[in-house]
Amino acid sequence: MNDDPVFKALADPTRRLLLDRLYERDGRSLTELESDVEMTRFGVMKHLRVLEDAGLVVTRRSGREKLHYLNPVPIRLIHDRWIDKYTERRVSALADLKHELEETA
């Protein structure tokens, strides 16, 4: 799996804001998402395209509208690959330390 598109998409604060809005309420139109940011419609469309290319947003047509939905799977895969594996060792070390301190107390 190539994580670069996901990291690139998450690196921008506007794109993170759009993801937060979709997390709050999925299935938003471009007009709804556009009202949350101070930029042109075209600018929002470009950000949504980056999110779609990274697999973080999927779209569906509903009549004449195109609705945007959050796809959290790539974020979970990033978590499992990069965050979880590095925190496991630290949590284990803290649990061992707690156990040792309780035994000596």
N, C-alpha and C. Protein backbone atom coordinates (compact mmCIF):
# COMPACT_ATOMS: atom_id res chain seq x y z
N MET A 1 0.84 -1.19 0.00
CA MET A 1 0.00 0.00 0.00
C MET A 1 0.88 1.25 0.00
N ASN A 2 0.57 2.19 -0.88
CA ASN A 2 1.29 3.45 -0.93
C ASN A 2 0.57 4.46 -0.05
N ASP A 3 1.19 4.82 1.06
CA ASP A 3 0.59 5.74 2.02
C ASP A 3 0.74 7.21 1.62
N ASP A 4 1.60 7.50 0.66
CA ASP A 4 1.91 8.90 0.32
C ASP A 4 0.68 9.74 -0.02
N PRO A 5 -0.26 9.26 -0.86
CA PRO A 5 -1.43 10.09 -1.16
C PRO A 5 -2.26 10.43 0.09
N VAL A 6 -2.34 9.50 1.02
CA VAL A 6 -3.11 9.75 2.25
C VAL A 6 -2.40 10.79 3.10
N PHE A 7 -1.08 10.64 3.28
CA PHE A 7 -0.33 11.63 4.05
C PHE A 7 -0.41 13.01 3.39
N LYS A 8 -0.31 13.05 2.06
CA LYS A 8 -0.41 14.32 1.34
C LYS A 8 -1.78 14.96 1.58
N ALA A 9 -2.83 14.15 1.50
CA ALA A 9 -4.18 14.67 1.70
C ALA A 9 -4.37 15.19 3.12
N LEU A 10 -3.83 14.47 4.10
CA LEU A 10 -4.00 14.86 5.50
C LEU A 10 -3.10 16.02 5.90
N ALA A 11 -2.11 16.34 5.08
CA ALA A 11 -1.16 17.40 5.43
C ALA A 11 -1.76 18.80 5.34
N ASP A 12 -2.86 18.95 4.64
CA ASP A 12 -3.44 20.27 4.43
C ASP A 12 -4.58 20.54 5.42
N PRO A 13 -4.55 21.70 6.11
CA PRO A 13 -5.60 21.98 7.11
C PRO A 13 -7.00 22.12 6.50
N THR A 14 -7.11 22.61 5.29
CA THR A 14 -8.42 22.72 4.66
C THR A 14 -9.00 21.34 4.40
N ARG A 15 -8.18 20.44 3.94
CA ARG A 15 -8.66 19.08 3.68
C ARG A 15 -9.04 18.37 4.98
N ARG A 16 -8.28 18.62 6.04
CA ARG A 16 -8.65 18.03 7.34
C ARG A 16 -9.99 18.61 7.81
N LEU A 17 -10.21 19.89 7.57
CA LEU A 17 -11.50 20.51 7.94
C LEU A 17 -12.64 19.85 7.16
N LEU A 18 -12.44 19.63 5.88
CA LEU A 18 -13.47 18.98 5.07
C LEU A 18 -13.76 17.57 5.60
N LEU A 19 -12.72 16.85 5.97
CA LEU A 19 -12.92 15.51 6.55
C LEU A 19 -13.68 15.59 7.87
N ASP A 20 -13.35 16.59 8.69
CA ASP A 20 -14.07 16.78 9.95
C ASP A 20 -15.54 17.05 9.71
N ARG A 21 -15.85 17.85 8.70
CA ARG A 21 -17.25 18.15 8.39
C ARG A 21 -17.99 16.90 7.93
N LEU A 22 -17.31 16.08 7.14
CA LEU A 22 -17.94 14.84 6.69
C LEU A 22 -18.08 13.85 7.85
N TYR A 23 -17.16 13.89 8.79
CA TYR A 23 -17.27 13.03 9.98
C TYR A 23 -18.50 13.44 10.80
N GLU A 24 -18.72 14.76 10.91
CA GLU A 24 -19.87 15.26 11.67
C GLU A 24 -21.18 14.86 11.01
N ARG A 25 -21.22 14.95 9.69
CA ARG A 25 -22.43 14.57 8.95
C ARG A 25 -22.03 14.17 7.54
N ASP A 26 -22.16 12.91 7.27
CA ASP A 26 -21.78 12.36 5.98
C ASP A 26 -22.80 12.72 4.90
N GLY A 27 -22.39 12.60 3.65
CA GLY A 27 -23.31 12.81 2.54
C GLY A 27 -23.59 14.26 2.25
N ARG A 28 -22.56 15.09 2.29
CA ARG A 28 -22.74 16.53 2.04
C ARG A 28 -22.48 16.85 0.57
N SER A 29 -23.20 17.86 0.11
CA SER A 29 -22.99 18.34 -1.25
C SER A 29 -21.81 19.31 -1.28
N LEU A 30 -21.35 19.62 -2.47
CA LEU A 30 -20.27 20.59 -2.63
C LEU A 30 -20.69 21.94 -2.05
N THR A 31 -21.93 22.34 -2.27
CA THR A 31 -22.43 23.62 -1.75
C THR A 31 -22.35 23.66 -0.24
N GLU A 32 -22.74 22.57 0.42
CA GLU A 32 -22.67 22.52 1.88
C GLU A 32 -21.23 22.61 2.37
N LEU A 33 -20.34 21.86 1.73
CA LEU A 33 -18.93 21.87 2.15
C LEU A 33 -18.29 23.22 1.86
N GLU A 34 -18.68 23.82 0.76
CA GLU A 34 -18.15 25.13 0.37
C GLU A 34 -18.48 26.19 1.41
N SER A 35 -19.63 26.08 2.05
CA SER A 35 -20.04 27.09 3.04
C SER A 35 -19.19 27.04 4.30
N ASP A 36 -18.45 25.94 4.51
CA ASP A 36 -17.62 25.78 5.71
C ASP A 36 -16.22 26.37 5.57
N VAL A 37 -15.81 26.71 4.36
CA VAL A 37 -14.45 27.21 4.14
C VAL A 37 -14.48 28.52 3.37
N GLU A 38 -13.46 29.31 3.58
CA GLU A 38 -13.38 30.59 2.90
C GLU A 38 -12.51 30.46 1.66
N MET A 39 -13.10 29.86 0.63
CA MET A 39 -12.40 29.76 -0.65
C MET A 39 -13.44 29.55 -1.74
N THR A 40 -12.99 29.63 -2.96
CA THR A 40 -13.90 29.49 -4.09
C THR A 40 -14.39 28.05 -4.21
N ARG A 41 -15.46 27.92 -4.94
CA ARG A 41 -16.03 26.60 -5.22
C ARG A 41 -14.98 25.72 -5.91
N PHE A 42 -14.25 26.32 -6.85
CA PHE A 42 -13.22 25.59 -7.58
C PHE A 42 -12.12 25.11 -6.62
N GLY A 43 -11.75 25.94 -5.66
CA GLY A 43 -10.74 25.56 -4.67
C GLY A 43 -11.18 24.37 -3.84
N VAL A 44 -12.44 24.39 -3.41
CA VAL A 44 -12.98 23.27 -2.63
C VAL A 44 -13.00 22.00 -3.48
N MET A 45 -13.37 22.15 -4.75
CA MET A 45 -13.39 21.00 -5.66
C MET A 45 -12.00 20.38 -5.79
N LYS A 46 -10.98 21.22 -5.86
CA LYS A 46 -9.60 20.71 -5.98
C LYS A 46 -9.21 19.93 -4.72
N HIS A 47 -9.58 20.46 -3.55
CA HIS A 47 -9.28 19.76 -2.30
C HIS A 47 -10.03 18.43 -2.22
N LEU A 48 -11.29 18.43 -2.64
CA LEU A 48 -12.07 17.19 -2.63
C LEU A 48 -11.47 16.16 -3.59
N ARG A 49 -10.94 16.62 -4.71
CA ARG A 49 -10.31 15.70 -5.67
C ARG A 49 -9.09 15.01 -5.03
N VAL A 50 -8.28 15.77 -4.29
CA VAL A 50 -7.11 15.18 -3.61
C VAL A 50 -7.59 14.14 -2.59
N LEU A 51 -8.65 14.47 -1.86
CA LEU A 51 -9.19 13.52 -0.87
C LEU A 51 -9.75 12.27 -1.56
N GLU A 52 -10.40 12.45 -2.70
CA GLU A 52 -10.91 11.30 -3.46
C GLU A 52 -9.76 10.44 -3.98
N ASP A 53 -8.74 11.09 -4.52
CA ASP A 53 -7.59 10.34 -5.06
C ASP A 53 -6.89 9.52 -3.98
N ALA A 54 -6.93 10.02 -2.74
CA ALA A 54 -6.33 9.30 -1.62
C ALA A 54 -7.27 8.24 -1.05
N GLY A 55 -8.50 8.20 -1.55
CA GLY A 55 -9.47 7.22 -1.07
C GLY A 55 -10.15 7.62 0.23
N LEU A 56 -9.96 8.87 0.66
CA LEU A 56 -10.54 9.33 1.92
C LEU A 56 -11.98 9.81 1.77
N VAL A 57 -12.37 10.13 0.55
CA VAL A 57 -13.72 10.59 0.26
C VAL A 57 -14.23 9.82 -0.95
N VAL A 58 -15.47 9.38 -0.87
CA VAL A 58 -16.14 8.76 -2.01
C VAL A 58 -17.38 9.58 -2.33
N THR A 59 -17.79 9.56 -3.58
CA THR A 59 -18.94 10.36 -3.99
C THR A 59 -20.00 9.46 -4.61
N ARG A 60 -21.23 9.93 -4.48
CA ARG A 60 -22.38 9.27 -5.11
C ARG A 60 -23.30 10.34 -5.65
N ARG A 61 -23.87 10.06 -6.78
CA ARG A 61 -24.86 10.98 -7.34
C ARG A 61 -26.22 10.71 -6.72
N SER A 62 -26.89 11.80 -6.39
CA SER A 62 -28.26 11.73 -5.90
C SER A 62 -29.05 12.74 -6.71
N GLY A 63 -29.67 12.28 -7.78
CA GLY A 63 -30.32 13.20 -8.69
C GLY A 63 -29.27 14.05 -9.39
N ARG A 64 -29.39 15.35 -9.25
CA ARG A 64 -28.44 16.26 -9.88
C ARG A 64 -27.27 16.59 -8.96
N GLU A 65 -27.37 16.18 -7.70
CA GLU A 65 -26.31 16.49 -6.74
C GLU A 65 -25.30 15.35 -6.64
N LYS A 66 -24.09 15.74 -6.33
CA LYS A 66 -23.02 14.78 -6.05
C LYS A 66 -22.75 14.88 -4.55
N LEU A 67 -22.97 13.80 -3.82
CA LEU A 67 -22.79 13.80 -2.37
C LEU A 67 -21.45 13.17 -2.02
N HIS A 68 -20.81 13.74 -1.01
CA HIS A 68 -19.48 13.31 -0.58
C HIS A 68 -19.58 12.59 0.76
N TYR A 69 -18.88 11.45 0.84
CA TYR A 69 -18.91 10.62 2.04
C TYR A 69 -17.49 10.33 2.50
N LEU A 70 -17.31 10.30 3.80
CA LEU A 70 -16.02 9.98 4.40
C LEU A 70 -15.77 8.48 4.30
N ASN A 71 -14.56 8.12 3.90
CA ASN A 71 -14.12 6.73 3.93
C ASN A 71 -12.97 6.65 4.95
N PRO A 72 -13.23 6.19 6.16
CA PRO A 72 -12.20 6.19 7.20
C PRO A 72 -11.17 5.06 7.09
N VAL A 73 -11.36 4.14 6.16
CA VAL A 73 -10.47 2.98 6.07
C VAL A 73 -9.00 3.37 5.87
N PRO A 74 -8.66 4.28 4.93
CA PRO A 74 -7.24 4.63 4.78
C PRO A 74 -6.63 5.22 6.05
N ILE A 75 -7.40 5.98 6.81
CA ILE A 75 -6.88 6.55 8.06
C ILE A 75 -6.61 5.43 9.05
N ARG A 76 -7.49 4.45 9.11
CA ARG A 76 -7.30 3.31 10.01
C ARG A 76 -6.05 2.51 9.61
N LEU A 77 -5.86 2.34 8.32
CA LEU A 77 -4.67 1.61 7.86
C LEU A 77 -3.39 2.36 8.22
N ILE A 78 -3.42 3.69 8.11
CA ILE A 78 -2.28 4.51 8.53
C ILE A 78 -2.04 4.32 10.03
N HIS A 79 -3.12 4.35 10.79
CA HIS A 79 -3.01 4.16 12.24
C HIS A 79 -2.37 2.81 12.55
N ASP A 80 -2.89 1.77 11.93
CA ASP A 80 -2.37 0.42 12.20
C ASP A 80 -0.91 0.29 11.80
N ARG A 81 -0.56 0.90 10.68
CA ARG A 81 0.80 0.76 10.14
C ARG A 81 1.81 1.63 10.87
N TRP A 82 1.45 2.87 11.18
CA TRP A 82 2.44 3.83 11.67
C TRP A 82 2.29 4.18 13.15
N ILE A 83 1.11 4.22 13.67
CA ILE A 83 0.93 4.70 15.04
C ILE A 83 0.88 3.54 16.02
N ASP A 84 0.03 2.59 15.73
CA ASP A 84 -0.18 1.47 16.65
C ASP A 84 1.11 0.71 16.93
N LYS A 85 1.88 0.46 15.89
CA LYS A 85 3.09 -0.35 16.09
C LYS A 85 4.13 0.37 16.94
N TYR A 86 4.17 1.70 16.89
CA TYR A 86 5.15 2.44 17.68
C TYR A 86 4.69 2.68 19.11
N THR A 87 3.39 2.72 19.33
CA THR A 87 2.90 2.94 20.69
C THR A 87 2.86 1.65 21.50
N GLU A 88 2.77 0.52 20.83
CA GLU A 88 2.67 -0.77 21.53
C GLU A 88 3.86 -0.99 22.47
N ARG A 89 5.05 -0.72 22.00
CA ARG A 89 6.25 -0.93 22.81
C ARG A 89 6.24 -0.01 24.04
N ARG A 90 5.84 1.24 23.84
CA ARG A 90 5.83 2.19 24.96
C ARG A 90 4.77 1.81 26.00
N VAL A 91 3.61 1.42 25.54
CA VAL A 91 2.55 1.02 26.47
C VAL A 91 2.99 -0.21 27.25
N SER A 92 3.63 -1.13 26.58
CA SER A 92 4.13 -2.33 27.25
C SER A 92 5.17 -1.97 28.31
N ALA A 93 6.07 -1.04 27.98
CA ALA A 93 7.09 -0.60 28.93
C ALA A 93 6.45 0.08 30.14
N LEU A 94 5.42 0.90 29.91
CA LEU A 94 4.74 1.56 31.02
C LEU A 94 4.01 0.55 31.91
N ALA A 95 3.41 -0.45 31.30
CA ALA A 95 2.73 -1.49 32.08
C ALA A 95 3.73 -2.26 32.94
N ASP A 96 4.90 -2.57 32.36
CA ASP A 96 5.96 -3.26 33.12
C ASP A 96 6.44 -2.40 34.28
N LEU A 97 6.63 -1.10 34.03
CA LEU A 97 7.07 -0.18 35.08
C LEU A 97 6.04 -0.11 36.20
N LYS A 98 4.77 -0.01 35.84
CA LYS A 98 3.70 0.04 36.84
C LYS A 98 3.73 -1.23 37.69
N HIS A 99 3.88 -2.36 37.05
CA HIS A 99 3.92 -3.64 37.76
C HIS A 99 5.10 -3.68 38.74
N GLU A 100 6.27 -3.25 38.28
CA GLU A 100 7.46 -3.24 39.15
C GLU A 100 7.29 -2.29 40.33
N LEU A 101 6.72 -1.11 40.08
CA LEU A 101 6.52 -0.14 41.16
C LEU A 101 5.52 -0.65 42.19
N GLU A 102 4.50 -1.34 41.73
CA GLU A 102 3.50 -1.88 42.65
C GLU A 102 4.10 -3.01 43.50
N GLU A 103 5.00 -3.77 42.94
CA GLU A 103 5.63 -4.85 43.69
C GLU A 103 6.56 -4.33 44.78
N THR A 104 7.23 -3.21 44.52
CA THR A 104 8.18 -2.67 45.49
C THR A 104 7.50 -1.78 46.52
N ALA A 105 6.27 -1.41 46.29
CA ALA A 105 5.57 -0.51 47.23
C ALA A 105 4.99 -1.23 48.41
